[in-house]
């Protein structure tokens, strides 16, 4: 059984979120990984028979949002709050995947481009695939998850207080404009003298390059 999910900015389906709902409600073992966590809208509760669970997200560039993190903490039952972890010891943490086992000993993987963001489920162009995997592959997933967990820490209120979100602002824009058009990023204060010197250096390099090219052509012609 394999399902392909192709999402665009005009899509109006809820298939991808429905897979998350299915996973959390039927899994007896569940592993969720996302490079960024900025949105969480899963309604179903975790399976009461759940035995193993890890939910790990990244903190690169400060893109994960405290509001979404706290929403996941609120969604988790009290005895599982420690299973929400941040990959603090990993630079370049970039998986987007959900793996689970149900009580029929069936193993599933949802893998693709979608992070846990609002845009990934609503407006982005995304590609994801849901497939059954073997027990052997699931054992590899568990080992991989344990390795990641060793380099991660449980999310706590102290960690949240110290975590700094990226300063990204969006200008008001018409609905027809893309989000990237409205994105406003601060330009670093580069030294203008250094820029000017670099431009002169590049210009001189280009002049020398052209002279060398002419010289080589003349040598070849003379032969």
Protein backbone atom coordinates (compact mmCIF):
# COMPACT_ATOMS: atom_id res chain seq x y z
CA UNK A 1 0.00 0.00 0.00
CA UNK A 2 1.49 3.30 -1.13
CA UNK A 3 -0.16 6.72 -1.36
CA UNK A 4 1.31 9.85 -2.95
CA UNK A 5 0.26 13.29 -1.72
CA UNK A 6 0.98 16.21 -4.04
CA UNK A 7 -0.02 19.58 -2.62
CA UNK A 8 -0.20 22.98 -4.30
CA UNK A 9 -1.33 26.47 -3.37
CA UNK A 10 -4.77 25.70 -4.80
CA UNK A 11 -5.24 22.38 -3.02
CA UNK A 12 -8.17 22.16 -0.66
CA UNK A 13 -7.78 18.65 0.69
CA UNK A 14 -7.04 17.50 4.21
CA UNK A 15 -5.44 14.19 3.29
CA UNK A 16 -2.07 14.87 4.88
CA UNK A 17 -3.45 15.99 8.23
CA UNK A 18 -5.77 12.97 8.16
CA UNK A 19 -2.69 10.71 8.08
CA UNK A 20 -1.39 12.39 11.22
CA UNK A 21 -4.78 11.88 12.84
CA UNK A 22 -4.72 8.21 11.86
CA UNK A 23 -1.17 7.72 13.10
CA UNK A 24 -1.68 9.21 16.57
CA UNK A 25 -4.96 7.38 17.15
CA UNK A 26 -3.86 3.87 16.10
CA UNK A 27 -0.12 3.75 16.86
CA UNK A 28 1.29 1.58 19.63
CA UNK A 29 4.74 2.90 18.67
CA UNK A 30 5.09 6.35 17.12
CA UNK A 31 7.96 8.60 16.04
CA UNK A 32 7.44 12.13 14.69
CA UNK A 33 10.28 14.23 13.25
CA UNK A 34 10.11 17.74 11.84
CA UNK A 35 12.87 20.22 11.04
CA UNK A 36 10.57 23.08 12.09
CA UNK A 37 7.54 23.19 14.34
CA UNK A 38 5.40 26.26 13.76
CA UNK A 39 1.91 24.72 13.60
CA UNK A 40 0.08 21.86 15.30
CA UNK A 41 -3.55 21.15 14.55
CA UNK A 42 -3.97 17.44 15.30
CA UNK A 43 -7.25 16.83 17.09
CA UNK A 44 -7.13 13.10 17.87
CA UNK A 45 -5.68 11.90 21.13
CA UNK A 46 -2.83 9.44 21.32
CA UNK A 47 -3.76 5.77 21.42
CA UNK A 48 -4.24 4.62 25.03
CA UNK A 49 -2.19 1.51 24.13
CA UNK A 50 0.81 3.58 23.05
CA UNK A 51 4.06 2.01 24.29
CA UNK A 52 6.84 3.98 22.58
CA UNK A 53 6.73 7.63 21.50
CA UNK A 54 9.16 10.34 20.45
CA UNK A 55 8.39 13.75 18.96
CA UNK A 56 11.56 15.59 17.94
CA UNK A 57 11.83 18.93 16.15
CA UNK A 58 14.71 21.23 15.17
CA UNK A 59 15.72 24.67 16.37
CA UNK A 60 17.92 25.76 13.43
CA UNK A 61 17.60 29.48 12.58
CA UNK A 62 15.05 29.93 15.38
CA UNK A 63 12.20 29.06 13.00
CA UNK A 64 10.23 26.81 15.36
CA UNK A 65 7.56 28.79 17.19
CA UNK A 66 6.94 28.82 20.92
CA UNK A 67 3.19 29.00 20.40
CA UNK A 68 3.17 25.75 18.40
CA UNK A 69 5.56 24.05 20.84
CA UNK A 70 3.31 24.93 23.77
CA UNK A 71 0.31 23.67 21.79
CA UNK A 72 1.96 20.26 21.42
CA UNK A 73 2.80 20.21 25.14
CA UNK A 74 -0.83 20.95 25.95
CA UNK A 75 -1.96 18.20 23.56
CA UNK A 76 0.32 15.60 25.14
CA UNK A 77 -0.88 13.74 28.25
CA UNK A 78 1.08 14.65 31.37
CA UNK A 79 3.03 11.37 31.51
CA UNK A 80 4.33 11.90 27.97
CA UNK A 81 5.31 15.58 28.01
CA UNK A 82 8.99 14.62 28.37
CA UNK A 83 8.81 12.87 24.96
CA UNK A 84 8.62 16.23 23.15
CA UNK A 85 12.27 16.95 22.41
CA UNK A 86 14.34 19.52 20.57
CA UNK A 87 17.40 18.43 18.56
CA UNK A 88 19.62 20.90 20.36
CA UNK A 89 22.84 18.98 19.74
CA UNK A 90 22.31 18.60 15.99
CA UNK A 91 23.09 21.21 13.37
CA UNK A 92 21.32 20.49 10.11
CA UNK A 93 18.39 18.57 11.60
CA UNK A 94 16.07 18.34 8.61
CA UNK A 95 13.84 15.23 8.56
CA UNK A 96 10.11 15.44 7.86
CA UNK A 97 8.72 12.03 8.72
CA UNK A 98 6.28 10.03 10.80
CA UNK A 99 6.80 6.33 11.53
CA UNK A 100 4.39 4.11 13.40
CA UNK A 101 3.35 0.58 14.27
CA UNK A 102 -0.27 -0.37 14.95
CA UNK A 103 -1.71 -3.19 17.07
CA UNK A 104 -1.91 -5.41 13.97
CA UNK A 105 1.88 -5.34 13.67
CA UNK A 106 1.69 -3.20 10.55
CA UNK A 107 4.43 -0.62 10.03
CA UNK A 108 4.01 2.71 8.22
CA UNK A 109 6.15 5.63 7.11
CA UNK A 110 5.00 9.08 5.99
CA UNK A 111 7.98 10.85 4.44
CA UNK A 112 8.27 13.95 2.29
CA UNK A 113 8.88 17.66 2.11
CA UNK A 114 6.30 18.90 4.63
CA UNK A 115 7.46 20.33 7.93
CA UNK A 116 4.94 20.92 10.70
CA UNK A 117 3.99 24.37 9.46
CA UNK A 118 0.68 25.91 8.46
CA UNK A 119 1.90 26.57 4.92
CA UNK A 120 3.04 22.97 4.46
CA UNK A 121 -0.53 21.76 5.02
CA UNK A 122 -2.34 24.59 3.26
CA UNK A 123 -0.50 26.66 0.66
CA UNK A 124 2.94 25.26 -0.14
CA UNK A 125 3.84 23.02 -3.04
CA UNK A 126 4.72 19.80 -1.22
CA UNK A 127 5.25 16.14 -2.05
CA UNK A 128 4.83 13.34 0.49
CA UNK A 129 4.43 9.60 0.36
CA UNK A 130 2.76 7.14 2.75
CA UNK A 131 3.93 3.55 2.54
CA UNK A 132 4.10 0.33 4.50
CA UNK A 133 7.56 -0.69 5.64
CA UNK A 134 9.01 -3.93 6.94
CA UNK A 135 9.61 -4.79 10.58
CA UNK A 136 13.35 -4.73 9.86
CA UNK A 137 13.11 -1.18 8.54
CA UNK A 138 11.06 -0.14 11.56
CA UNK A 139 13.78 -1.50 13.83
CA UNK A 140 16.24 0.74 11.94
CA UNK A 141 13.91 3.69 12.53
CA UNK A 142 13.85 2.98 16.28
CA UNK A 143 17.64 2.85 16.42
CA UNK A 144 17.87 6.10 14.42
CA UNK A 145 15.32 7.75 16.71
CA UNK A 146 17.32 6.70 19.78
CA UNK A 147 20.48 8.17 18.24
CA UNK A 148 18.70 11.48 17.63
CA UNK A 149 17.20 11.46 21.12
CA UNK A 150 20.69 11.13 22.62
CA UNK A 151 21.54 14.47 20.99
CA UNK A 152 18.26 16.09 21.99
CA UNK A 153 16.75 17.43 25.19
CA UNK A 154 13.17 17.39 26.49
CA UNK A 155 11.35 20.68 26.06
CA UNK A 156 10.82 22.46 29.36
CA UNK A 157 9.50 25.85 30.36
CA UNK A 158 13.06 26.92 31.15
CA UNK A 159 14.16 25.94 27.65
CA UNK A 160 11.25 27.82 26.13
CA UNK A 161 12.15 30.96 28.07
CA UNK A 162 15.71 30.82 26.77
CA UNK A 163 14.82 29.90 23.19
CA UNK A 164 15.01 32.82 20.76
CA UNK A 165 12.71 32.82 17.76
CA UNK A 166 13.91 34.28 14.47
CA UNK A 167 12.97 37.90 13.88
CA UNK A 168 11.02 37.51 10.66
CA UNK A 169 8.34 40.03 9.76
CA UNK A 170 5.84 40.10 6.92
CA UNK A 171 4.68 43.22 5.17
CA UNK A 172 1.01 43.66 4.39
CA UNK A 173 0.43 42.35 0.89
CA UNK A 174 -2.38 41.53 -1.46
CA UNK A 175 -3.63 37.96 -1.34
CA UNK A 176 -2.44 37.43 -4.90
CA UNK A 177 1.16 38.02 -3.90
CA UNK A 178 3.25 35.13 -2.64
CA UNK A 179 4.50 35.02 0.94
CA UNK A 180 8.06 35.50 -0.24
CA UNK A 181 7.08 38.82 -1.83
CA UNK A 182 5.95 40.08 1.54
CA UNK A 183 8.95 38.79 3.45
CA UNK A 184 11.09 41.50 4.99
CA UNK A 185 14.59 40.55 6.09
CA UNK A 186 17.15 42.87 7.66
CA UNK A 187 20.17 43.47 5.40
CA UNK A 188 23.47 43.13 7.28
CA UNK A 189 25.46 46.38 7.60
CA UNK A 190 28.26 45.50 5.20
CA UNK A 191 31.27 47.81 5.02
CA UNK A 192 30.89 49.90 1.87
CA UNK A 193 34.67 50.30 1.48
CA UNK A 194 35.10 46.52 1.45
CA UNK A 195 32.39 46.18 -1.18
CA UNK A 196 34.03 48.86 -3.32
CA UNK A 197 37.45 47.19 -3.03
CA UNK A 198 35.95 43.82 -3.93
CA UNK A 199 34.32 45.28 -7.05
CA UNK A 200 37.65 46.79 -8.18
CA UNK A 201 39.34 43.45 -7.56
CA UNK A 202 36.75 41.62 -9.65
CA UNK A 203 37.08 44.19 -12.46
CA UNK A 204 40.88 43.84 -12.50
CA UNK A 205 40.55 40.06 -12.50
CA UNK A 206 38.25 40.22 -15.52
CA UNK A 207 40.72 42.48 -17.40
CA UNK A 208 43.66 40.15 -16.73
CA UNK A 209 41.56 37.13 -17.71
CA UNK A 210 40.70 38.66 -21.07
CA UNK A 211 44.36 39.54 -21.76
CA UNK A 212 45.44 35.98 -20.94
CA UNK A 213 42.77 34.61 -23.25
CA UNK A 214 44.02 36.78 -26.15
CA UNK A 215 47.62 35.78 -25.44
CA UNK A 216 46.78 32.07 -25.52
CA UNK A 217 44.86 32.45 -28.77
CA UNK A 218 47.84 34.22 -30.38
CA UNK A 219 50.22 31.49 -29.25
CA UNK A 220 47.99 28.80 -30.72
CA UNK A 221 47.63 30.69 -34.00
CA UNK A 222 51.40 31.09 -34.33
CA UNK A 223 51.82 27.35 -34.01
